[in-house]
Amino acid sequence: MKIAAITIRRKPVPGSPIRTNTGNYMFTEAAYRNIAGDISWIGFNFDPDKINAEYDHVIMPAANWIDRGEALDGLVRLLKRIELPITCIGLGAQAASAGADPASLKLSQGAIDLTKILTERCKHISVRGEFTRKVLAHLGCHNTVVTGCPRFTWTCRKTSMPPPARI
């Protein structure tokens, strides 16, 4: 299975300097280590027609993108043109304070649109916690599974998770 990965760039040499958020690197690398298949990095600025022609599946290790400030419009526009199944891993919602009501969270239009497209395209959406599950449920998304941050799977063996088609 050929898999396109919408992620930050994977570091090709162990021990090379990390010039980005180390948490983002860790959950992205954990996804690479734990999904069987031929995974290729495509980044966030990709040609959807090329992806549709050359790949079988898309994975998207995600961060706390469901909030008021994320500019996700460009990514949403590209995802709408993807005709392949998508697996989103570790999507999170961010609140200003602990105990916030998921229904009262003010979200960017990009976050709302991303939720809609993932609801349609993903069999299940891996989310970081119960708060995120509730925020997405408030937006009409009920195909979520609470898995926590993907970095928790860093040490799992590569064959321990099924290919995305079975998630």
N, C-alpha and C. Protein backbone atom coordinates (compact mmCIF):
# COMPACT_ATOMS: atom_id res chain seq x y z
N MET A 1 0.84 -1.17 0.00
CA MET A 1 0.00 0.00 0.00
C MET A 1 0.89 1.24 0.00
N LYS A 2 0.64 2.16 -0.93
CA LYS A 2 1.38 3.43 -0.98
C LYS A 2 0.59 4.48 -0.20
N ILE A 3 1.26 5.06 0.80
CA ILE A 3 0.60 5.99 1.71
C ILE A 3 1.27 7.36 1.61
N ALA A 4 0.46 8.39 1.42
CA ALA A 4 0.94 9.77 1.42
C ALA A 4 0.75 10.33 2.83
N ALA A 5 1.80 10.94 3.37
CA ALA A 5 1.76 11.47 4.73
C ALA A 5 1.75 13.00 4.72
N ILE A 6 0.65 13.57 5.20
CA ILE A 6 0.54 15.02 5.36
C ILE A 6 1.12 15.33 6.74
N THR A 7 2.40 15.70 6.77
CA THR A 7 3.11 15.90 8.03
C THR A 7 4.20 16.95 7.85
N ILE A 8 4.82 17.28 8.98
CA ILE A 8 6.07 18.03 8.90
C ILE A 8 7.10 17.08 8.29
N ARG A 9 8.19 17.62 7.78
CA ARG A 9 9.22 16.80 7.14
C ARG A 9 9.85 15.84 8.14
N ARG A 10 10.00 14.60 7.73
CA ARG A 10 10.65 13.60 8.56
C ARG A 10 12.16 13.80 8.44
N LYS A 11 12.84 13.72 9.56
CA LYS A 11 14.29 13.90 9.56
C LYS A 11 14.95 12.63 9.02
N PRO A 12 15.73 12.71 7.94
CA PRO A 12 16.29 11.52 7.31
C PRO A 12 17.45 10.89 8.09
N VAL A 13 18.14 11.67 8.93
CA VAL A 13 19.31 11.15 9.63
C VAL A 13 19.05 11.21 11.13
N PRO A 14 19.07 10.05 11.82
CA PRO A 14 18.88 10.10 13.28
C PRO A 14 19.91 11.01 13.92
N GLY A 15 19.46 11.83 14.86
CA GLY A 15 20.36 12.74 15.54
C GLY A 15 20.54 14.08 14.84
N SER A 16 19.91 14.26 13.67
CA SER A 16 20.04 15.55 13.00
C SER A 16 19.29 16.60 13.80
N PRO A 17 19.69 17.86 13.67
CA PRO A 17 19.03 18.91 14.45
C PRO A 17 17.55 19.01 14.10
N ILE A 18 16.74 19.24 15.11
CA ILE A 18 15.31 19.42 14.90
C ILE A 18 15.06 20.92 14.91
N ARG A 19 14.61 21.45 13.80
CA ARG A 19 14.40 22.90 13.68
C ARG A 19 12.93 23.26 13.80
N THR A 20 12.17 22.43 14.45
CA THR A 20 10.74 22.67 14.61
C THR A 20 10.34 22.23 16.01
N ASN A 21 9.10 22.30 16.33
CA ASN A 21 8.59 21.88 17.61
C ASN A 21 8.90 20.39 17.82
N THR A 22 9.61 20.06 18.90
CA THR A 22 10.02 18.66 19.11
C THR A 22 8.82 17.75 19.36
N GLY A 23 7.77 18.28 19.98
CA GLY A 23 6.56 17.47 20.18
C GLY A 23 5.94 17.07 18.86
N ASN A 24 5.90 18.01 17.89
CA ASN A 24 5.38 17.70 16.56
C ASN A 24 6.24 16.64 15.88
N TYR A 25 7.55 16.76 16.03
CA TYR A 25 8.44 15.75 15.45
C TYR A 25 8.15 14.38 16.06
N MET A 26 7.98 14.32 17.38
CA MET A 26 7.79 13.03 18.04
C MET A 26 6.50 12.34 17.61
N PHE A 27 5.37 13.06 17.56
CA PHE A 27 4.15 12.35 17.18
C PHE A 27 4.14 12.01 15.70
N THR A 28 4.81 12.81 14.87
CA THR A 28 4.91 12.48 13.46
C THR A 28 5.78 11.24 13.26
N GLU A 29 6.92 11.20 13.92
CA GLU A 29 7.81 10.05 13.81
C GLU A 29 7.14 8.79 14.35
N ALA A 30 6.37 8.92 15.42
CA ALA A 30 5.65 7.76 15.98
C ALA A 30 4.70 7.18 14.93
N ALA A 31 4.03 8.04 14.18
CA ALA A 31 3.13 7.55 13.13
C ALA A 31 3.91 6.79 12.06
N TYR A 32 5.04 7.36 11.62
CA TYR A 32 5.85 6.67 10.62
C TYR A 32 6.30 5.30 11.13
N ARG A 33 6.69 5.22 12.38
CA ARG A 33 7.21 3.97 12.93
C ARG A 33 6.15 2.88 13.10
N ASN A 34 4.89 3.27 13.17
CA ASN A 34 3.85 2.32 13.56
C ASN A 34 2.83 1.99 12.49
N ILE A 35 2.98 2.49 11.31
CA ILE A 35 2.03 2.17 10.25
C ILE A 35 2.76 1.40 9.17
N ALA A 36 2.24 0.22 8.87
CA ALA A 36 2.84 -0.62 7.83
C ALA A 36 2.46 -0.06 6.46
N GLY A 37 3.40 -0.09 5.55
CA GLY A 37 3.15 0.38 4.20
C GLY A 37 4.29 1.26 3.73
N ASP A 38 4.25 1.59 2.47
CA ASP A 38 5.26 2.45 1.84
C ASP A 38 4.81 3.90 2.03
N ILE A 39 5.34 4.58 3.06
CA ILE A 39 4.90 5.93 3.41
C ILE A 39 5.83 6.97 2.80
N SER A 40 5.25 7.95 2.13
CA SER A 40 6.01 9.06 1.54
C SER A 40 5.51 10.37 2.11
N TRP A 41 6.45 11.25 2.47
CA TRP A 41 6.11 12.57 2.97
C TRP A 41 5.65 13.45 1.81
N ILE A 42 4.49 14.11 1.99
CA ILE A 42 4.02 15.06 0.97
C ILE A 42 3.87 16.47 1.54
N GLY A 43 4.02 16.62 2.84
CA GLY A 43 3.92 17.94 3.45
C GLY A 43 2.50 18.48 3.47
N PHE A 44 2.38 19.79 3.56
CA PHE A 44 1.07 20.44 3.65
C PHE A 44 0.71 21.21 2.38
N ASN A 45 1.62 21.30 1.44
CA ASN A 45 1.37 22.00 0.18
C ASN A 45 1.61 21.01 -0.94
N PHE A 46 0.58 20.25 -1.25
CA PHE A 46 0.72 19.13 -2.19
C PHE A 46 -0.26 19.27 -3.35
N ASP A 47 -0.03 18.47 -4.38
CA ASP A 47 -0.90 18.45 -5.55
C ASP A 47 -1.91 17.31 -5.37
N PRO A 48 -3.18 17.61 -5.07
CA PRO A 48 -4.16 16.55 -4.84
C PRO A 48 -4.32 15.58 -6.02
N ASP A 49 -4.20 16.09 -7.25
CA ASP A 49 -4.33 15.21 -8.41
C ASP A 49 -3.21 14.18 -8.44
N LYS A 50 -2.00 14.61 -8.11
CA LYS A 50 -0.85 13.69 -8.06
C LYS A 50 -1.06 12.65 -6.94
N ILE A 51 -1.54 13.09 -5.80
CA ILE A 51 -1.78 12.17 -4.68
C ILE A 51 -2.83 11.14 -5.08
N ASN A 52 -3.92 11.59 -5.68
CA ASN A 52 -4.98 10.67 -6.11
C ASN A 52 -4.47 9.64 -7.11
N ALA A 53 -3.55 10.04 -7.98
CA ALA A 53 -3.04 9.15 -9.03
C ALA A 53 -1.98 8.18 -8.53
N GLU A 54 -1.18 8.60 -7.54
CA GLU A 54 -0.01 7.81 -7.17
C GLU A 54 -0.10 7.06 -5.83
N TYR A 55 -1.13 7.33 -5.03
CA TYR A 55 -1.20 6.73 -3.70
C TYR A 55 -2.51 6.00 -3.48
N ASP A 56 -2.54 5.18 -2.43
CA ASP A 56 -3.73 4.40 -2.07
C ASP A 56 -4.45 4.97 -0.86
N HIS A 57 -3.73 5.73 -0.04
CA HIS A 57 -4.27 6.19 1.23
C HIS A 57 -3.50 7.43 1.68
N VAL A 58 -4.13 8.24 2.52
CA VAL A 58 -3.48 9.42 3.09
C VAL A 58 -3.54 9.31 4.60
N ILE A 59 -2.39 9.55 5.27
CA ILE A 59 -2.40 9.66 6.73
C ILE A 59 -2.06 11.10 7.10
N MET A 60 -2.63 11.52 8.23
CA MET A 60 -2.40 12.88 8.68
C MET A 60 -2.25 12.90 10.20
N PRO A 61 -1.01 12.73 10.70
CA PRO A 61 -0.81 12.92 12.14
C PRO A 61 -1.09 14.39 12.47
N ALA A 62 -1.98 14.62 13.42
CA ALA A 62 -2.45 15.97 13.68
C ALA A 62 -2.05 16.46 15.07
N ALA A 63 -2.14 17.76 15.22
CA ALA A 63 -1.85 18.39 16.50
C ALA A 63 -3.15 18.96 17.06
N ASN A 64 -3.04 19.89 17.99
CA ASN A 64 -4.22 20.55 18.55
C ASN A 64 -4.69 21.62 17.57
N TRP A 65 -5.26 21.18 16.47
CA TRP A 65 -5.67 22.06 15.39
C TRP A 65 -7.08 22.61 15.57
N ILE A 66 -7.87 22.00 16.45
CA ILE A 66 -9.25 22.44 16.61
C ILE A 66 -9.28 23.53 17.68
N ASP A 67 -9.10 24.77 17.23
CA ASP A 67 -9.11 25.91 18.14
C ASP A 67 -9.51 27.16 17.39
N ARG A 68 -9.38 28.30 18.02
CA ARG A 68 -9.83 29.55 17.40
C ARG A 68 -8.81 30.16 16.46
N GLY A 69 -7.54 29.77 16.55
CA GLY A 69 -6.52 30.48 15.81
C GLY A 69 -5.90 29.77 14.63
N GLU A 70 -6.13 28.48 14.47
CA GLU A 70 -5.46 27.75 13.39
C GLU A 70 -5.95 28.20 12.02
N ALA A 71 -5.03 28.50 11.14
CA ALA A 71 -5.34 28.86 9.75
C ALA A 71 -5.28 27.60 8.91
N LEU A 72 -6.40 26.95 8.75
CA LEU A 72 -6.45 25.64 8.08
C LEU A 72 -7.14 25.68 6.73
N ASP A 73 -7.49 26.86 6.26
CA ASP A 73 -8.25 26.98 5.01
C ASP A 73 -7.55 26.34 3.83
N GLY A 74 -6.23 26.57 3.70
CA GLY A 74 -5.48 25.99 2.58
C GLY A 74 -5.47 24.48 2.63
N LEU A 75 -5.24 23.92 3.81
CA LEU A 75 -5.25 22.46 3.96
C LEU A 75 -6.63 21.89 3.64
N VAL A 76 -7.67 22.54 4.12
CA VAL A 76 -9.04 22.07 3.86
C VAL A 76 -9.32 22.07 2.36
N ARG A 77 -8.92 23.14 1.65
CA ARG A 77 -9.13 23.19 0.20
C ARG A 77 -8.45 22.01 -0.50
N LEU A 78 -7.24 21.68 -0.08
CA LEU A 78 -6.53 20.55 -0.69
C LEU A 78 -7.19 19.21 -0.33
N LEU A 79 -7.58 19.05 0.92
CA LEU A 79 -8.21 17.79 1.35
C LEU A 79 -9.53 17.54 0.63
N LYS A 80 -10.26 18.58 0.31
CA LYS A 80 -11.52 18.42 -0.42
C LYS A 80 -11.31 17.79 -1.78
N ARG A 81 -10.12 17.95 -2.34
CA ARG A 81 -9.81 17.39 -3.66
C ARG A 81 -9.23 15.99 -3.59
N ILE A 82 -8.92 15.51 -2.40
CA ILE A 82 -8.40 14.15 -2.23
C ILE A 82 -9.56 13.17 -2.35
N GLU A 83 -9.40 12.16 -3.18
CA GLU A 83 -10.44 11.15 -3.40
C GLU A 83 -10.14 9.85 -2.67
N LEU A 84 -9.05 9.81 -1.94
CA LEU A 84 -8.60 8.60 -1.25
C LEU A 84 -9.10 8.58 0.19
N PRO A 85 -9.10 7.40 0.82
CA PRO A 85 -9.40 7.37 2.25
C PRO A 85 -8.32 8.13 3.02
N ILE A 86 -8.72 8.77 4.10
CA ILE A 86 -7.81 9.53 4.95
C ILE A 86 -7.86 8.96 6.36
N THR A 87 -6.71 8.83 6.98
CA THR A 87 -6.62 8.45 8.39
C THR A 87 -5.99 9.61 9.14
N CYS A 88 -6.75 10.19 10.06
CA CYS A 88 -6.26 11.28 10.88
C CYS A 88 -5.91 10.73 12.26
N ILE A 89 -4.69 11.00 12.71
CA ILE A 89 -4.18 10.42 13.95
C ILE A 89 -3.87 11.54 14.94
N GLY A 90 -4.51 11.50 16.12
CA GLY A 90 -4.15 12.39 17.21
C GLY A 90 -4.66 13.82 17.11
N LEU A 91 -5.82 14.02 16.51
CA LEU A 91 -6.39 15.36 16.42
C LEU A 91 -6.77 15.86 17.81
N GLY A 92 -6.47 17.12 18.09
CA GLY A 92 -6.78 17.68 19.41
C GLY A 92 -7.51 19.00 19.32
N ALA A 93 -8.26 19.29 20.38
CA ALA A 93 -8.92 20.59 20.54
C ALA A 93 -8.23 21.31 21.69
N GLN A 94 -8.13 22.61 21.57
CA GLN A 94 -7.43 23.42 22.57
C GLN A 94 -8.42 24.37 23.23
N ALA A 95 -8.45 24.37 24.55
CA ALA A 95 -9.31 25.29 25.31
C ALA A 95 -8.42 26.28 26.06
N ALA A 96 -8.99 27.45 26.33
CA ALA A 96 -8.24 28.48 27.05
C ALA A 96 -8.02 28.11 28.51
N SER A 97 -8.91 27.30 29.07
CA SER A 97 -8.78 26.93 30.48
C SER A 97 -9.33 25.54 30.73
N ALA A 98 -8.86 24.91 31.79
CA ALA A 98 -9.36 23.59 32.18
C ALA A 98 -10.83 23.72 32.55
N GLY A 99 -11.59 22.69 32.25
CA GLY A 99 -13.01 22.68 32.60
C GLY A 99 -13.88 23.45 31.64
N ALA A 100 -13.33 23.88 30.51
CA ALA A 100 -14.12 24.64 29.53
C ALA A 100 -15.23 23.76 28.96
N ASP A 101 -16.34 24.38 28.64
CA ASP A 101 -17.47 23.68 28.04
C ASP A 101 -17.19 23.49 26.55
N PRO A 102 -17.13 22.24 26.07
CA PRO A 102 -16.84 22.01 24.64
C PRO A 102 -17.82 22.70 23.71
N ALA A 103 -19.07 22.86 24.12
CA ALA A 103 -20.08 23.49 23.27
C ALA A 103 -19.87 25.00 23.14
N SER A 104 -19.17 25.61 24.09
CA SER A 104 -18.99 27.06 24.05
C SER A 104 -17.65 27.48 23.45
N LEU A 105 -16.85 26.53 23.02
CA LEU A 105 -15.54 26.83 22.47
C LEU A 105 -15.68 27.59 21.16
N LYS A 106 -15.00 28.71 21.03
CA LYS A 106 -15.01 29.49 19.79
C LYS A 106 -13.92 28.94 18.88
N LEU A 107 -14.33 28.50 17.69
CA LEU A 107 -13.40 27.86 16.77
C LEU A 107 -13.27 28.65 15.48
N SER A 108 -12.10 28.54 14.85
CA SER A 108 -11.92 29.16 13.54
C SER A 108 -12.77 28.41 12.51
N GLN A 109 -13.14 29.10 11.44
CA GLN A 109 -13.91 28.45 10.38
C GLN A 109 -13.09 27.31 9.78
N GLY A 110 -11.78 27.48 9.71
CA GLY A 110 -10.92 26.41 9.19
C GLY A 110 -10.99 25.15 10.04
N ALA A 111 -11.04 25.31 11.36
CA ALA A 111 -11.16 24.15 12.26
C ALA A 111 -12.50 23.45 12.07
N ILE A 112 -13.56 24.23 11.91
CA ILE A 112 -14.89 23.65 11.68
C ILE A 112 -14.91 22.92 10.35
N ASP A 113 -14.37 23.53 9.30
CA ASP A 113 -14.35 22.90 7.98
C ASP A 113 -13.47 21.64 7.96
N LEU A 114 -12.35 21.68 8.68
CA LEU A 114 -11.49 20.50 8.78
C LEU A 114 -12.25 19.36 9.44
N THR A 115 -12.97 19.66 10.50
CA THR A 115 -13.77 18.63 11.18
C THR A 115 -14.78 18.01 10.22
N LYS A 116 -15.43 18.83 9.43
CA LYS A 116 -16.44 18.32 8.48
C LYS A 116 -15.81 17.38 7.45
N ILE A 117 -14.69 17.81 6.86
CA ILE A 117 -14.08 16.98 5.82
C ILE A 117 -13.54 15.67 6.40
N LEU A 118 -12.97 15.72 7.60
CA LEU A 118 -12.46 14.49 8.21
C LEU A 118 -13.61 13.57 8.62
N THR A 119 -14.72 14.13 9.07
CA THR A 119 -15.89 13.32 9.41
C THR A 119 -16.35 12.53 8.20
N GLU A 120 -16.32 13.17 7.03
CA GLU A 120 -16.75 12.52 5.79
C GLU A 120 -15.74 11.50 5.28
N ARG A 121 -14.44 11.79 5.39
CA ARG A 121 -13.41 10.99 4.73
C ARG A 121 -12.75 9.92 5.58
N CYS A 122 -12.86 10.03 6.90
CA CYS A 122 -12.19 9.08 7.79
C CYS A 122 -13.18 8.05 8.34
N LYS A 123 -12.79 6.80 8.33
CA LYS A 123 -13.62 5.78 8.97
C LYS A 123 -13.74 6.11 10.46
N HIS A 124 -12.60 6.39 11.09
CA HIS A 124 -12.52 6.84 12.48
C HIS A 124 -11.49 7.95 12.54
N ILE A 125 -11.66 8.87 13.48
CA ILE A 125 -10.68 9.92 13.71
C ILE A 125 -10.08 9.68 15.09
N SER A 126 -8.78 9.48 15.13
CA SER A 126 -8.06 9.32 16.40
C SER A 126 -7.95 10.70 17.03
N VAL A 127 -8.48 10.84 18.27
CA VAL A 127 -8.41 12.14 18.96
C VAL A 127 -7.61 12.00 20.24
N ARG A 128 -7.09 13.13 20.72
CA ARG A 128 -6.18 13.14 21.86
C ARG A 128 -6.85 12.91 23.19
N GLY A 129 -8.13 13.19 23.33
CA GLY A 129 -8.77 13.02 24.62
C GLY A 129 -10.27 13.21 24.57
N GLU A 130 -10.88 13.02 25.73
CA GLU A 130 -12.33 13.13 25.86
C GLU A 130 -12.83 14.54 25.53
N PHE A 131 -12.08 15.56 25.90
CA PHE A 131 -12.48 16.93 25.57
C PHE A 131 -12.60 17.10 24.06
N THR A 132 -11.61 16.63 23.32
CA THR A 132 -11.65 16.73 21.85
C THR A 132 -12.83 15.95 21.30
N ARG A 133 -13.07 14.76 21.84
CA ARG A 133 -14.22 13.96 21.38
C ARG A 133 -15.51 14.74 21.54
N LYS A 134 -15.67 15.43 22.68
CA LYS A 134 -16.89 16.20 22.93
C LYS A 134 -17.00 17.42 22.01
N VAL A 135 -15.88 18.09 21.75
CA VAL A 135 -15.90 19.24 20.84
C VAL A 135 -16.32 18.79 19.45
N LEU A 136 -15.73 17.71 18.97
CA LEU A 136 -16.09 17.21 17.64
C LEU A 136 -17.53 16.72 17.60
N ALA A 137 -18.00 16.08 18.67
CA ALA A 137 -19.40 15.63 18.72
C ALA A 137 -20.35 16.83 18.62
N HIS A 138 -19.98 17.92 19.28
CA HIS A 138 -20.80 19.14 19.21
C HIS A 138 -20.88 19.65 17.77
N LEU A 139 -19.83 19.40 16.97
CA LEU A 139 -19.81 19.81 15.57
C LEU A 139 -20.44 18.76 14.64
N GLY A 140 -20.98 17.68 15.21
CA GLY A 140 -21.63 16.65 14.41
C GLY A 140 -20.74 15.49 14.03
N CYS A 141 -19.54 15.43 14.56
CA CYS A 141 -18.61 14.35 14.25
C CYS A 141 -18.67 13.30 15.36
N HIS A 142 -19.10 12.09 14.99
CA HIS A 142 -19.25 11.02 15.99
C HIS A 142 -18.40 9.79 15.67
N ASN A 143 -17.55 9.88 14.67
CA ASN A 143 -16.69 8.74 14.32
C ASN A 143 -15.29 8.92 14.90
N THR A 144 -15.23 9.24 16.19
CA THR A 144 -13.95 9.46 16.86
C THR A 144 -13.60 8.31 17.79
N VAL A 145 -12.31 8.14 18.01
CA VAL A 145 -11.78 7.15 18.96
C VAL A 145 -10.72 7.89 19.78
N VAL A 146 -10.87 7.86 21.11
CA VAL A 146 -9.89 8.52 21.97
C VAL A 146 -8.66 7.62 22.07
N THR A 147 -7.53 8.12 21.56
CA THR A 147 -6.29 7.34 21.55
C THR A 147 -5.15 8.05 22.27
N GLY A 148 -5.32 9.34 22.56
CA GLY A 148 -4.23 10.11 23.14
C GLY A 148 -3.30 10.62 22.06
N CYS A 149 -2.22 11.25 22.49
CA CYS A 149 -1.24 11.77 21.56
C CYS A 149 -0.47 10.62 20.91
N PRO A 150 -0.27 10.66 19.60
CA PRO A 150 0.45 9.58 18.92
C PRO A 150 1.86 9.34 19.45
N ARG A 151 2.48 10.32 20.10
CA ARG A 151 3.85 10.12 20.58
C ARG A 151 3.92 9.01 21.62
N PHE A 152 2.78 8.68 22.24
CA PHE A 152 2.77 7.60 23.22
C PHE A 152 3.05 6.24 22.58
N THR A 153 2.95 6.14 21.26
CA THR A 153 3.22 4.88 20.56
C THR A 153 4.64 4.82 20.01
N TRP A 154 5.49 5.76 20.40
CA TRP A 154 6.85 5.87 19.87
C TRP A 154 7.58 4.53 19.87
N THR A 155 7.49 3.75 20.92
CA THR A 155 8.28 2.53 21.03
C THR A 155 7.56 1.28 20.55
N CYS A 156 6.36 1.41 20.00
CA CYS A 156 5.66 0.24 19.48
C CYS A 156 6.39 -0.30 18.26
N ARG A 157 6.25 -1.60 18.04
CA ARG A 157 6.86 -2.19 16.84
C ARG A 157 6.07 -1.78 15.62
N LYS A 158 6.75 -1.62 14.49
CA LYS A 158 6.12 -1.13 13.27
C LYS A 158 4.89 -1.93 12.87
N THR A 159 4.88 -3.22 13.10
CA THR A 159 3.75 -4.05 12.68
C THR A 159 2.66 -4.12 13.74
N SER A 160 2.76 -3.33 14.82
CA SER A 160 1.78 -3.43 15.88
C SER A 160 0.44 -2.77 15.54
N MET A 161 0.42 -1.86 14.58
CA MET A 161 -0.82 -1.21 14.18
C MET A 161 -1.19 -1.71 12.79
N PRO A 162 -2.48 -1.91 12.56
CA PRO A 162 -2.89 -2.35 11.22
C PRO A 162 -2.70 -1.22 10.21
N PRO A 163 -2.61 -1.58 8.92
CA PRO A 163 -2.54 -0.54 7.90
C PRO A 163 -3.79 0.36 8.02
N PRO A 164 -3.72 1.60 7.55
CA PRO A 164 -4.83 2.54 7.72
C PRO A 164 -6.16 2.05 7.23
N ALA A 165 -6.21 1.19 6.22
CA ALA A 165 -7.48 0.73 5.68
C ALA A 165 -8.29 -0.02 6.73
N ARG A 166 -7.64 -0.56 7.75
CA ARG A 166 -8.35 -1.31 8.78
C ARG A 166 -8.63 -0.50 10.04
N ILE A 167 -8.13 0.73 10.11
CA ILE A 167 -8.36 1.55 11.32
C ILE A 167 -9.76 2.11 11.30
